């Protein structure tokens, strides 16, 4: 059994026991969160109807809040002396899926 959940502007395929890294969720380490299901697959049975998915709850335990790998952006234009350097690190949350019901 697995579910497709919406988390942080993306969709993730999760099953019970999976460790998933999401965009930052406003929750402390050790707390539980609920993720909205978009699709549920249980063997051959596929559930996509909104009424049925409203009854489905996917719960996950927040393990830690981390920062992603640094991305370096460097813009350069030849022969003009223009260059611009910029960096970025994503704020992430690592969760463990505890149940799909």
Protein backbone atom coordinates (compact mmCIF):
# COMPACT_ATOMS: atom_id res chain seq x y z
CA UNK A 1 0.00 0.00 0.00
CA UNK A 2 1.28 3.46 -0.88
CA UNK A 3 -0.08 6.97 -1.25
CA UNK A 4 0.76 10.03 -3.27
CA UNK A 5 0.71 13.03 -0.92
CA UNK A 6 0.99 16.78 -1.48
CA UNK A 7 3.81 18.28 0.53
CA UNK A 8 5.55 21.60 0.05
CA UNK A 9 4.32 22.32 -3.47
CA UNK A 10 5.35 18.87 -4.73
CA UNK A 11 3.87 15.39 -4.71
CA UNK A 12 5.68 12.51 -3.02
CA UNK A 13 5.08 8.76 -3.21
CA UNK A 14 5.13 7.39 0.35
CA UNK A 15 4.48 4.14 2.16
CA UNK A 16 4.63 3.26 5.86
CA UNK A 17 8.17 3.51 7.23
CA UNK A 18 9.56 5.73 4.45
CA UNK A 19 11.91 8.60 5.27
CA UNK A 20 11.01 11.62 3.15
CA UNK A 21 12.67 15.05 2.90
CA UNK A 22 10.13 17.84 2.37
CA UNK A 23 10.25 21.62 2.14
CA UNK A 24 10.25 23.16 5.63
CA UNK A 25 7.13 22.30 7.63
CA UNK A 26 6.30 24.51 10.63
CA UNK A 27 6.59 21.72 13.23
CA UNK A 28 9.07 20.77 15.93
CA UNK A 29 11.14 17.58 15.93
CA UNK A 30 9.20 14.72 17.53
CA UNK A 31 5.75 16.07 16.64
CA UNK A 32 3.37 14.49 14.13
CA UNK A 33 1.89 16.05 11.01
CA UNK A 34 -0.83 15.03 8.57
CA UNK A 35 -0.20 15.11 4.83
CA UNK A 36 -3.12 15.45 2.37
CA UNK A 37 -3.46 12.45 0.07
CA UNK A 38 -3.88 12.93 -3.69
CA UNK A 39 -4.04 9.23 -4.61
CA UNK A 40 -4.12 5.95 -2.69
CA UNK A 41 -3.06 2.57 -4.10
CA UNK A 42 -3.91 -0.57 -2.14
CA UNK A 43 -2.99 -3.60 -4.27
CA UNK A 44 -5.17 -3.39 -7.40
CA UNK A 45 -7.54 -0.83 -5.87
CA UNK A 46 -6.71 2.79 -6.83
CA UNK A 47 -8.55 5.62 -5.07
CA UNK A 48 -8.58 9.09 -6.63
CA UNK A 49 -12.06 10.43 -5.79
CA UNK A 50 -11.97 13.52 -3.56
CA UNK A 51 -14.75 12.24 -1.29
CA UNK A 52 -12.89 8.99 -0.58
CA UNK A 53 -9.53 10.74 -0.15
CA UNK A 54 -11.03 13.08 2.46
CA UNK A 55 -11.34 10.02 4.73
CA UNK A 56 -7.69 8.98 4.20
CA UNK A 57 -5.13 10.25 6.70
CA UNK A 58 -1.38 9.99 6.14
CA UNK A 59 0.49 10.76 9.35
CA UNK A 60 4.21 11.36 9.64
CA UNK A 61 6.61 12.02 12.50
CA UNK A 62 8.98 14.97 12.16
CA UNK A 63 12.54 13.75 12.70
CA UNK A 64 14.57 16.92 12.18
CA UNK A 65 14.74 20.30 10.48
CA UNK A 66 17.79 20.56 8.23
CA UNK A 67 19.26 22.82 5.56
CA UNK A 68 19.92 21.58 2.05
CA UNK A 69 23.12 21.58 0.08
CA UNK A 70 24.44 25.00 -0.94
CA UNK A 71 23.70 26.02 -4.53
CA UNK A 72 26.07 28.60 -6.01
CA UNK A 73 24.70 30.87 -8.75
CA UNK A 74 27.26 32.77 -10.78
CA UNK A 75 26.20 35.08 -13.60
CA UNK A 76 28.87 36.31 -15.99
CA UNK A 77 28.84 38.45 -19.12
CA UNK A 78 31.92 38.34 -21.28
CA UNK A 79 33.92 41.52 -22.11
CA UNK A 80 31.82 43.83 -19.89
CA UNK A 81 33.31 43.16 -16.47
CA UNK A 82 29.93 42.01 -15.14
CA UNK A 83 29.71 39.09 -12.79
CA UNK A 84 27.33 38.42 -9.93
CA UNK A 85 27.64 35.68 -7.34
CA UNK A 86 24.72 34.46 -5.24
CA UNK A 87 24.09 31.46 -2.99
CA UNK A 88 21.06 29.58 -1.78
CA UNK A 89 20.30 26.86 0.77
CA UNK A 90 16.85 25.31 1.06
CA UNK A 91 15.15 24.88 4.42
CA UNK A 92 14.08 21.22 4.65
CA UNK A 93 12.28 18.89 7.05
CA UNK A 94 12.97 15.15 7.28
CA UNK A 95 9.90 13.06 8.23
CA UNK A 96 9.10 9.38 8.71
CA UNK A 97 5.69 8.14 7.54
CA UNK A 98 4.02 6.28 10.42
CA UNK A 99 0.59 5.32 9.08
CA UNK A 100 -1.74 5.41 6.10
CA UNK A 101 -5.34 4.89 7.11
